[in-house]
């Protein structure tokens, strides 16, 4: 009876360790994310000046592929595009941001949240602009 209990415990421990190792591979625990900057200031612009664009470079400083799973914006006036293919170790990708100042005035701050399989798993980017009528 003791042997059966010992074997059952050994099987549970083996499966737990194996599952944890697989989970780390999926989540990319060895993948780290580096943004050279997380804030972009457009400065002072005219409301009628058109769409504003900027790009945030993102570097995979880990040793596994980095995947940007999604980017969310704090409002509909801000849109984004990003590297859809996995970013290899030591390679660089991008987050492209567009902002429409039309219908807005004064100091405006917007946020984007970048979700990845790396560490950290989410990063908050900020854009600032002063809009003159």
N, C-alpha and C. Protein backbone atom coordinates (compact mmCIF):
# COMPACT_ATOMS: atom_id res chain seq x y z
N UNK A 1 0.82 -1.19 0.00
CA UNK A 1 0.00 0.00 0.00
C UNK A 1 0.87 1.26 0.00
N UNK A 2 1.97 1.19 0.78
CA UNK A 2 2.86 2.35 0.84
C UNK A 2 3.48 2.62 -0.52
N UNK A 3 3.79 1.56 -1.26
CA UNK A 3 4.37 1.72 -2.59
C UNK A 3 3.39 2.40 -3.55
N UNK A 4 2.15 2.04 -3.46
CA UNK A 4 1.13 2.65 -4.33
C UNK A 4 0.99 4.13 -4.03
N UNK A 5 0.94 4.48 -2.76
CA UNK A 5 0.85 5.89 -2.37
C UNK A 5 2.09 6.64 -2.83
N UNK A 6 3.27 6.04 -2.63
CA UNK A 6 4.52 6.68 -3.06
C UNK A 6 4.52 6.91 -4.57
N UNK A 7 4.12 5.90 -5.34
CA UNK A 7 4.06 6.02 -6.80
C UNK A 7 3.06 7.09 -7.23
N UNK A 8 1.92 7.17 -6.57
CA UNK A 8 0.92 8.18 -6.91
C UNK A 8 1.46 9.59 -6.65
N UNK A 9 2.11 9.77 -5.51
CA UNK A 9 2.69 11.08 -5.19
C UNK A 9 3.79 11.43 -6.19
N UNK A 10 4.63 10.46 -6.54
CA UNK A 10 5.71 10.69 -7.50
C UNK A 10 5.13 11.11 -8.86
N UNK A 11 4.07 10.45 -9.28
CA UNK A 11 3.44 10.79 -10.57
C UNK A 11 2.87 12.21 -10.55
N UNK A 12 2.21 12.57 -9.46
CA UNK A 12 1.65 13.91 -9.34
C UNK A 12 2.75 14.96 -9.39
N UNK A 13 3.83 14.74 -8.64
CA UNK A 13 4.95 15.68 -8.64
C UNK A 13 5.58 15.80 -10.02
N UNK A 14 5.79 14.68 -10.69
CA UNK A 14 6.37 14.70 -12.04
C UNK A 14 5.50 15.50 -12.99
N UNK A 15 4.19 15.25 -12.97
CA UNK A 15 3.27 15.97 -13.86
C UNK A 15 3.23 17.46 -13.53
N UNK A 16 3.31 17.81 -12.26
CA UNK A 16 3.30 19.22 -11.86
C UNK A 16 4.54 19.94 -12.38
N UNK A 17 5.70 19.33 -12.21
CA UNK A 17 6.95 19.94 -12.70
C UNK A 17 6.93 20.04 -14.22
N UNK A 18 6.50 19.00 -14.89
CA UNK A 18 6.45 19.00 -16.35
C UNK A 18 5.49 20.08 -16.86
N UNK A 19 4.33 20.21 -16.25
CA UNK A 19 3.36 21.24 -16.66
C UNK A 19 3.92 22.63 -16.43
N UNK A 20 4.62 22.84 -15.33
CA UNK A 20 5.21 24.15 -15.05
C UNK A 20 6.27 24.50 -16.08
N UNK A 21 7.06 23.53 -16.51
CA UNK A 21 8.07 23.78 -17.54
C UNK A 21 7.42 24.13 -18.86
N UNK A 22 6.37 23.43 -19.25
CA UNK A 22 5.66 23.74 -20.49
C UNK A 22 5.04 25.12 -20.41
N UNK A 23 4.47 25.48 -19.26
CA UNK A 23 3.84 26.77 -19.08
C UNK A 23 4.86 27.89 -19.25
N UNK A 24 6.06 27.73 -18.73
CA UNK A 24 7.10 28.74 -18.89
C UNK A 24 7.47 28.91 -20.35
N UNK A 25 7.50 27.84 -21.11
CA UNK A 25 7.84 27.95 -22.52
C UNK A 25 6.75 28.71 -23.28
N UNK A 26 5.52 28.47 -22.98
CA UNK A 26 4.42 29.15 -23.65
C UNK A 26 4.42 30.64 -23.30
N UNK A 27 4.62 30.95 -22.05
CA UNK A 27 4.57 32.34 -21.62
C UNK A 27 5.84 33.10 -21.95
N UNK A 28 6.89 32.42 -22.33
CA UNK A 28 8.12 33.10 -22.68
C UNK A 28 8.79 33.74 -21.48
N UNK A 29 8.94 32.97 -20.41
CA UNK A 29 9.50 33.53 -19.19
C UNK A 29 10.92 34.05 -19.40
N UNK A 30 11.61 33.57 -20.44
CA UNK A 30 12.95 34.04 -20.74
C UNK A 30 12.94 35.13 -21.80
N UNK A 31 11.80 35.72 -22.05
CA UNK A 31 11.68 36.79 -23.03
C UNK A 31 11.46 38.09 -22.28
N UNK A 32 12.34 39.04 -22.48
CA UNK A 32 12.20 40.33 -21.83
C UNK A 32 12.01 41.42 -22.87
N UNK A 33 11.26 42.42 -22.48
CA UNK A 33 10.87 43.50 -23.37
C UNK A 33 11.55 44.79 -22.95
N UNK A 34 12.08 45.51 -23.92
CA UNK A 34 12.70 46.80 -23.62
C UNK A 34 12.18 47.86 -24.58
N UNK A 35 11.65 48.94 -24.01
CA UNK A 35 11.26 50.11 -24.79
C UNK A 35 12.27 51.21 -24.48
N UNK A 36 12.89 51.77 -25.52
CA UNK A 36 13.84 52.86 -25.33
C UNK A 36 13.16 54.07 -24.71
N UNK A 37 11.88 54.22 -25.01
CA UNK A 37 11.08 55.29 -24.41
C UNK A 37 9.64 54.81 -24.34
N UNK A 38 8.90 55.32 -23.38
CA UNK A 38 7.49 54.95 -23.22
C UNK A 38 6.59 56.16 -23.30
N UNK A 39 7.16 57.34 -23.56
CA UNK A 39 6.38 58.59 -23.69
C UNK A 39 6.79 59.29 -24.98
N UNK A 40 5.79 59.77 -25.71
CA UNK A 40 6.06 60.60 -26.88
C UNK A 40 5.27 61.89 -26.73
N UNK A 41 5.97 63.02 -26.86
CA UNK A 41 5.34 64.34 -26.76
C UNK A 41 5.33 64.96 -28.16
N UNK A 42 4.13 65.15 -28.72
CA UNK A 42 4.00 65.76 -30.04
C UNK A 42 4.24 67.27 -30.00
N UNK A 43 4.26 67.84 -28.79
CA UNK A 43 4.43 69.28 -28.66
C UNK A 43 3.12 70.00 -28.91
N UNK A 44 3.20 71.23 -29.42
CA UNK A 44 2.01 72.03 -29.71
C UNK A 44 1.68 71.91 -31.19
N UNK A 45 0.42 71.54 -31.46
CA UNK A 45 -0.04 71.37 -32.84
C UNK A 45 -1.39 72.06 -33.02
N UNK A 46 -1.74 72.29 -34.27
CA UNK A 46 -3.04 72.87 -34.61
C UNK A 46 -4.08 71.75 -34.70
N UNK A 47 -5.28 72.05 -34.27
CA UNK A 47 -6.37 71.07 -34.36
C UNK A 47 -6.59 70.63 -35.81
N UNK A 48 -6.40 71.54 -36.74
CA UNK A 48 -6.62 71.24 -38.16
C UNK A 48 -5.35 70.74 -38.86
N UNK A 49 -4.32 70.44 -38.10
CA UNK A 49 -3.04 70.03 -38.68
C UNK A 49 -3.00 68.61 -39.22
N UNK A 50 -4.02 67.82 -38.99
CA UNK A 50 -4.05 66.46 -39.52
C UNK A 50 -3.60 65.42 -38.50
N UNK A 51 -3.61 64.20 -38.95
CA UNK A 51 -3.28 63.04 -38.13
C UNK A 51 -1.81 63.11 -37.69
N UNK A 52 -1.57 62.82 -36.42
CA UNK A 52 -0.21 62.77 -35.86
C UNK A 52 0.23 61.32 -35.79
N UNK A 53 1.52 61.08 -36.06
CA UNK A 53 2.04 59.72 -36.04
C UNK A 53 3.36 59.67 -35.28
N UNK A 54 3.56 58.56 -34.56
CA UNK A 54 4.85 58.31 -33.92
C UNK A 54 5.05 56.80 -33.84
N UNK A 55 6.28 56.42 -33.53
CA UNK A 55 6.59 55.01 -33.43
C UNK A 55 7.44 54.76 -32.19
N UNK A 56 7.08 53.71 -31.47
CA UNK A 56 7.84 53.26 -30.31
C UNK A 56 8.59 51.98 -30.69
N UNK A 57 9.92 52.02 -30.75
CA UNK A 57 10.64 50.77 -31.01
C UNK A 57 10.62 49.87 -29.77
N UNK A 58 10.48 48.58 -30.00
CA UNK A 58 10.49 47.60 -28.91
C UNK A 58 11.56 46.56 -29.22
N UNK A 59 12.37 46.25 -28.22
CA UNK A 59 13.47 45.30 -28.41
C UNK A 59 13.26 44.07 -27.54
N UNK A 60 13.50 42.91 -28.13
CA UNK A 60 13.46 41.66 -27.39
C UNK A 60 14.86 41.45 -26.82
N UNK A 61 15.01 41.66 -25.52
CA UNK A 61 16.31 41.49 -24.87
C UNK A 61 16.46 40.11 -24.23
N UNK A 62 15.50 39.24 -24.50
CA UNK A 62 15.56 37.88 -23.97
C UNK A 62 16.14 36.92 -24.98
N UNK A 63 15.97 35.63 -24.71
CA UNK A 63 16.52 34.63 -25.61
C UNK A 63 15.44 33.76 -26.27
N UNK A 64 14.21 34.17 -26.16
CA UNK A 64 13.09 33.49 -26.83
C UNK A 64 12.32 34.52 -27.66
N UNK A 65 11.57 34.08 -28.67
CA UNK A 65 10.81 35.03 -29.48
C UNK A 65 9.79 35.81 -28.64
N UNK A 66 9.70 37.10 -28.92
CA UNK A 66 8.74 37.98 -28.26
C UNK A 66 7.53 38.15 -29.18
N UNK A 67 6.34 37.98 -28.61
CA UNK A 67 5.11 38.14 -29.37
C UNK A 67 4.29 39.25 -28.73
N UNK A 68 3.96 40.26 -29.53
CA UNK A 68 3.03 41.30 -29.08
C UNK A 68 1.64 40.78 -29.41
N UNK A 69 0.87 40.49 -28.38
CA UNK A 69 -0.43 39.85 -28.60
C UNK A 69 -1.54 40.85 -28.92
N UNK A 70 -1.48 42.05 -28.31
CA UNK A 70 -2.45 43.08 -28.65
C UNK A 70 -1.99 44.40 -28.06
N UNK A 71 -2.57 45.48 -28.62
CA UNK A 71 -2.33 46.83 -28.13
C UNK A 71 -3.69 47.49 -28.02
N UNK A 72 -4.01 48.02 -26.85
CA UNK A 72 -5.29 48.71 -26.65
C UNK A 72 -5.03 50.19 -26.40
N UNK A 73 -5.93 51.02 -26.92
CA UNK A 73 -5.83 52.47 -26.75
C UNK A 73 -6.89 52.93 -25.77
N UNK A 74 -6.61 54.07 -25.11
CA UNK A 74 -7.54 54.59 -24.11
C UNK A 74 -8.77 55.27 -24.73
N UNK A 75 -8.74 55.55 -26.04
CA UNK A 75 -9.92 56.14 -26.67
C UNK A 75 -9.88 55.90 -28.17
N UNK A 76 -10.97 56.23 -28.84
CA UNK A 76 -11.09 56.00 -30.28
C UNK A 76 -10.29 56.96 -31.14
N UNK A 77 -9.78 58.04 -30.57
CA UNK A 77 -9.00 59.00 -31.35
C UNK A 77 -7.57 58.53 -31.54
N UNK A 78 -7.20 57.43 -30.88
CA UNK A 78 -5.86 56.89 -30.95
C UNK A 78 -5.92 55.48 -31.54
N UNK A 79 -5.08 55.22 -32.53
CA UNK A 79 -5.04 53.90 -33.16
C UNK A 79 -3.60 53.40 -33.14
N UNK A 80 -3.45 52.09 -33.33
CA UNK A 80 -2.10 51.54 -33.30
C UNK A 80 -1.96 50.39 -34.29
N UNK A 81 -0.72 50.15 -34.63
CA UNK A 81 -0.31 49.00 -35.42
C UNK A 81 0.97 48.50 -34.76
N UNK A 82 1.28 47.23 -34.92
CA UNK A 82 2.46 46.70 -34.26
C UNK A 82 3.02 45.52 -35.04
N UNK A 83 4.22 45.11 -34.66
CA UNK A 83 4.87 43.96 -35.27
C UNK A 83 4.02 42.73 -35.00
N UNK A 84 3.50 42.13 -36.05
CA UNK A 84 2.63 40.95 -35.90
C UNK A 84 3.43 39.66 -35.84
N UNK A 85 4.59 39.62 -36.45
CA UNK A 85 5.44 38.43 -36.43
C UNK A 85 6.24 38.40 -35.13
N UNK A 86 6.58 37.22 -34.63
CA UNK A 86 7.43 37.14 -33.43
C UNK A 86 8.74 37.89 -33.66
N UNK A 87 9.19 38.57 -32.61
CA UNK A 87 10.44 39.33 -32.66
C UNK A 87 11.52 38.45 -32.04
N UNK A 88 12.52 38.11 -32.83
CA UNK A 88 13.58 37.21 -32.38
C UNK A 88 14.44 37.83 -31.29
N UNK A 89 15.20 36.99 -30.62
CA UNK A 89 16.10 37.44 -29.56
C UNK A 89 17.07 38.48 -30.11
N UNK A 90 17.15 39.61 -29.43
CA UNK A 90 18.05 40.68 -29.84
C UNK A 90 17.52 41.53 -30.98
N UNK A 91 16.36 41.22 -31.50
CA UNK A 91 15.79 41.95 -32.64
C UNK A 91 14.84 43.02 -32.15
N UNK A 92 14.44 43.89 -33.10
CA UNK A 92 13.58 45.02 -32.75
C UNK A 92 12.29 44.98 -33.57
N UNK A 93 11.19 45.35 -32.91
CA UNK A 93 9.90 45.50 -33.55
C UNK A 93 9.41 46.92 -33.33
N UNK A 94 8.11 47.12 -33.49
CA UNK A 94 7.59 48.48 -33.39
C UNK A 94 6.15 48.50 -32.89
N UNK A 95 5.79 49.64 -32.34
CA UNK A 95 4.40 50.00 -32.06
C UNK A 95 4.21 51.34 -32.76
N UNK A 96 3.34 51.39 -33.77
CA UNK A 96 3.04 52.64 -34.47
C UNK A 96 1.74 53.20 -33.92
N UNK A 97 1.75 54.49 -33.64
CA UNK A 97 0.59 55.15 -33.03
C UNK A 97 0.15 56.31 -33.92
N UNK A 98 -1.16 56.44 -34.11
CA UNK A 98 -1.72 57.60 -34.78
C UNK A 98 -2.73 58.25 -33.85
N UNK A 99 -2.79 59.58 -33.92
CA UNK A 99 -3.70 60.35 -33.06
C UNK A 99 -4.34 61.43 -33.90
N UNK A 100 -5.66 61.58 -33.79
CA UNK A 100 -6.39 62.61 -34.53
C UNK A 100 -6.76 63.74 -33.57
N UNK A 101 -6.16 64.93 -33.74
CA UNK A 101 -6.44 66.05 -32.82
C UNK A 101 -7.75 66.79 -33.13
N UNK A 102 -8.39 66.45 -34.23
CA UNK A 102 -9.61 67.16 -34.64
C UNK A 102 -10.68 67.07 -33.56
N UNK A 103 -11.26 68.25 -33.22
CA UNK A 103 -12.32 68.30 -32.23
C UNK A 103 -11.82 68.34 -30.79
N UNK A 104 -10.52 68.47 -30.62
CA UNK A 104 -9.94 68.52 -29.27
C UNK A 104 -9.12 69.78 -29.12
N UNK A 105 -8.92 70.19 -27.87
CA UNK A 105 -8.07 71.36 -27.62
C UNK A 105 -7.44 71.24 -26.24
N UNK A 106 -6.34 71.98 -26.07
CA UNK A 106 -5.64 71.98 -24.79
C UNK A 106 -4.69 70.81 -24.65
N UNK A 107 -4.26 70.60 -23.42
CA UNK A 107 -3.33 69.51 -23.12
C UNK A 107 -4.09 68.18 -23.15
N UNK A 108 -3.59 67.26 -23.95
CA UNK A 108 -4.23 65.95 -24.08
C UNK A 108 -3.18 64.87 -23.82
N UNK A 109 -3.55 63.89 -23.02
CA UNK A 109 -2.69 62.74 -22.74
C UNK A 109 -3.51 61.48 -23.00
N UNK A 110 -2.93 60.57 -23.78
CA UNK A 110 -3.58 59.29 -24.09
C UNK A 110 -2.62 58.15 -23.78
N UNK A 111 -3.19 57.00 -23.48
CA UNK A 111 -2.40 55.84 -23.12
C UNK A 111 -2.69 54.67 -24.04
N UNK A 112 -1.68 53.85 -24.25
CA UNK A 112 -1.81 52.59 -24.96
C UNK A 112 -1.21 51.51 -24.07
N UNK A 113 -1.85 50.36 -24.04
CA UNK A 113 -1.31 49.24 -23.27
C UNK A 113 -0.90 48.15 -24.25
N UNK A 114 0.35 47.74 -24.14
CA UNK A 114 0.92 46.71 -25.01
C UNK A 114 0.99 45.41 -24.21
N UNK A 115 0.40 44.35 -24.77
CA UNK A 115 0.40 43.04 -24.13
C UNK A 115 1.34 42.11 -24.89
N UNK A 116 2.21 41.41 -24.15
CA UNK A 116 3.18 40.52 -24.77
C UNK A 116 3.27 39.19 -24.02
N UNK A 117 4.04 38.28 -24.59
CA UNK A 117 4.33 37.02 -23.91
C UNK A 117 5.60 37.15 -23.06
N UNK A 118 6.14 38.34 -22.95
CA UNK A 118 7.41 38.55 -22.26
C UNK A 118 7.26 39.11 -20.86
N UNK A 119 8.39 39.59 -20.36
CA UNK A 119 8.45 40.18 -19.03
C UNK A 119 8.94 41.61 -19.18
N UNK A 120 8.12 42.60 -18.88
CA UNK A 120 6.77 42.50 -18.32
C UNK A 120 5.75 42.08 -19.38
N UNK A 121 4.63 41.54 -18.92
CA UNK A 121 3.61 41.06 -19.85
C UNK A 121 2.73 42.19 -20.38
N UNK A 122 2.74 43.33 -19.71
CA UNK A 122 2.04 44.50 -20.25
C UNK A 122 2.85 45.76 -19.94
N UNK A 123 2.83 46.67 -20.89
CA UNK A 123 3.58 47.92 -20.80
C UNK A 123 2.64 49.04 -21.20
N UNK A 124 2.69 50.13 -20.47
CA UNK A 124 1.83 51.28 -20.77
C UNK A 124 2.66 52.36 -21.46
N UNK A 125 2.21 52.76 -22.65
CA UNK A 125 2.83 53.84 -23.41
C UNK A 125 1.97 55.08 -23.30
N UNK A 126 2.60 56.25 -23.39
CA UNK A 126 1.85 57.50 -23.24
C UNK A 126 2.21 58.45 -24.38
N UNK A 127 1.17 59.11 -24.92
CA UNK A 127 1.40 60.19 -25.88
C UNK A 127 0.80 61.46 -25.30
N UNK A 128 1.50 62.57 -25.54
CA UNK A 128 1.04 63.87 -25.04
C UNK A 128 1.02 64.85 -26.21
N UNK A 129 0.10 65.80 -26.16
CA UNK A 129 0.03 66.83 -27.18
C UNK A 129 -0.71 68.04 -26.63
N UNK A 130 -0.29 69.21 -27.07
CA UNK A 130 -1.00 70.46 -26.73
C UNK A 130 -1.66 70.93 -28.03
N UNK A 131 -2.99 70.96 -28.04
CA UNK A 131 -3.73 71.27 -29.26
C UNK A 131 -4.27 72.70 -29.21
N UNK A 132 -3.92 73.48 -30.21
CA UNK A 132 -4.41 74.85 -30.34
C UNK A 132 -5.49 74.90 -31.40
N UNK A 133 -6.54 75.65 -31.14
CA UNK A 133 -7.64 75.81 -32.11
C UNK A 133 -7.21 76.68 -33.25
